[in-house]
Amino acid sequence: MQLPGPEMLDDLQLTRLQPERGAHAAIVSLPVPPGAGEVRATNLLSQARPIAWWPEHLAGDAAGDPRRMLMTISSDGDLPEEIRPERATPVEEAEWAG
């Protein structure tokens, strides 16, 4: 079985189901390819935490990498109709924006 590479994130696009209704926050269960590392929403405040991991029999050297992440996304205004996930640099500490 050929697993997708980290570039799979470049092809993902999250689309709001009801864009005509205003929303300032979203939660998504995001599939993550092996080797992708940290993930965030492009140009929006977001946070992602792993909820499932790649097993050794499928991912080999990437065993233990996140396989699925729960991502929260927020905005001061309405969220856009389409949101793109992207690979991110891990952050040690950040100020709370709330």
Protein backbone atom coordinates (compact mmCIF):
# COMPACT_ATOMS: atom_id res chain seq x y z
CA MET A 1 0.00 0.00 0.00
CA GLN A 2 1.37 3.43 -0.99
CA LEU A 3 0.80 6.02 1.74
CA PRO A 4 0.40 9.71 0.84
CA GLY A 5 3.35 12.00 1.48
CA PRO A 6 3.36 15.28 3.45
CA GLU A 7 2.55 17.17 0.22
CA MET A 8 -0.99 15.72 0.51
CA LEU A 9 -1.75 18.71 2.76
CA ASP A 10 -1.22 20.99 -0.26
CA ASP A 11 -4.25 19.36 -1.91
CA LEU A 12 -6.60 19.53 1.09
CA GLN A 13 -9.22 22.23 1.26
CA LEU A 14 -11.73 22.52 4.08
CA THR A 15 -15.10 23.87 2.95
CA ARG A 16 -17.76 25.23 5.31
CA LEU A 17 -21.08 23.42 4.96
CA GLN A 18 -23.16 26.57 5.53
CA PRO A 19 -21.01 29.55 4.51
CA GLU A 20 -24.06 31.85 4.48
CA ARG A 21 -24.28 31.49 8.28
CA GLY A 22 -21.65 33.45 10.19
CA ALA A 23 -19.08 31.47 12.15
CA HIS A 24 -16.11 32.65 14.20
CA ALA A 25 -14.84 29.18 15.14
CA ALA A 26 -14.54 25.70 13.65
CA ILE A 27 -13.41 22.26 14.73
CA VAL A 28 -12.22 19.66 12.22
CA SER A 29 -10.91 16.10 12.45
CA LEU A 30 -8.06 16.29 9.95
CA PRO A 31 -6.35 13.31 8.24
CA VAL A 32 -2.57 13.75 8.35
CA PRO A 33 -0.05 11.92 6.12
CA PRO A 34 3.10 10.42 7.67
CA GLY A 35 5.94 12.92 7.98
CA ALA A 36 3.71 16.01 7.85
CA GLY A 37 4.62 17.16 11.36
CA GLU A 38 2.72 20.06 12.93
CA VAL A 39 -0.33 21.37 11.06
CA ARG A 40 -2.17 24.71 11.17
CA ALA A 41 -4.81 26.61 9.22
CA THR A 42 -3.34 29.04 6.68
CA ASN A 43 -3.66 32.71 7.78
CA LEU A 44 -5.99 31.94 10.72
CA LEU A 45 -5.55 31.36 14.45
CA SER A 46 -5.52 27.61 14.94
CA GLN A 47 -4.32 24.79 17.13
CA ALA A 48 -4.05 21.09 16.29
CA ARG A 49 -3.53 18.12 18.60
CA PRO A 50 -2.98 14.49 17.58
CA ILE A 51 -5.80 12.05 18.33
CA ALA A 52 -4.49 9.02 16.35
CA TRP A 53 -1.01 7.85 15.31
CA TRP A 54 0.47 5.85 12.41
CA PRO A 55 1.25 2.23 13.37
CA GLU A 56 4.60 0.68 12.47
CA HIS A 57 3.09 -1.92 10.10
CA LEU A 58 1.73 0.90 7.88
CA ALA A 59 4.18 3.76 8.35
CA GLY A 60 7.54 2.05 9.00
CA ASP A 61 10.00 4.80 10.01
CA ALA A 62 7.11 7.25 10.44
CA ALA A 63 5.46 5.05 13.08
CA GLY A 64 4.15 7.22 15.89
CA ASP A 65 3.60 10.26 13.63
CA PRO A 66 0.12 11.81 13.95
CA ARG A 67 -2.41 10.13 11.63
CA ARG A 68 -5.35 12.34 12.57
CA MET A 69 -5.45 15.70 14.34
CA LEU A 70 -8.27 17.61 15.95
CA MET A 71 -7.85 21.21 14.78
CA THR A 72 -9.62 24.23 16.23
CA ILE A 73 -9.76 27.40 14.13
CA SER A 74 -10.90 30.87 15.18
CA SER A 75 -11.23 34.35 13.71
CA ASP A 76 -12.25 37.81 14.92
CA GLY A 77 -14.61 38.02 11.94
CA ASP A 78 -16.45 35.35 10.00
CA LEU A 79 -14.34 32.42 8.87
CA PRO A 80 -13.76 32.21 5.12
CA GLU A 81 -15.79 29.73 3.05
CA GLU A 82 -12.64 27.72 2.33
CA ILE A 83 -9.76 27.01 4.72
CA ARG A 84 -6.48 25.37 3.79
CA PRO A 85 -4.37 23.37 6.23
CA GLU A 86 -0.58 23.63 5.95
CA ARG A 87 2.54 22.28 7.60
CA ALA A 88 3.68 24.45 10.49
CA THR A 89 6.77 25.08 12.57
CA PRO A 90 6.27 23.85 16.16
CA VAL A 91 5.91 26.64 18.72
CA GLU A 92 7.46 26.21 22.18
CA GLU A 93 5.39 28.96 23.80
CA ALA A 94 2.82 31.42 22.60
CA GLU A 95 0.77 34.16 24.20
CA TRP A 96 -2.88 33.44 24.70
CA ALA A 97 -4.87 35.56 22.25
CA GLY A 98 -8.23 35.13 23.98
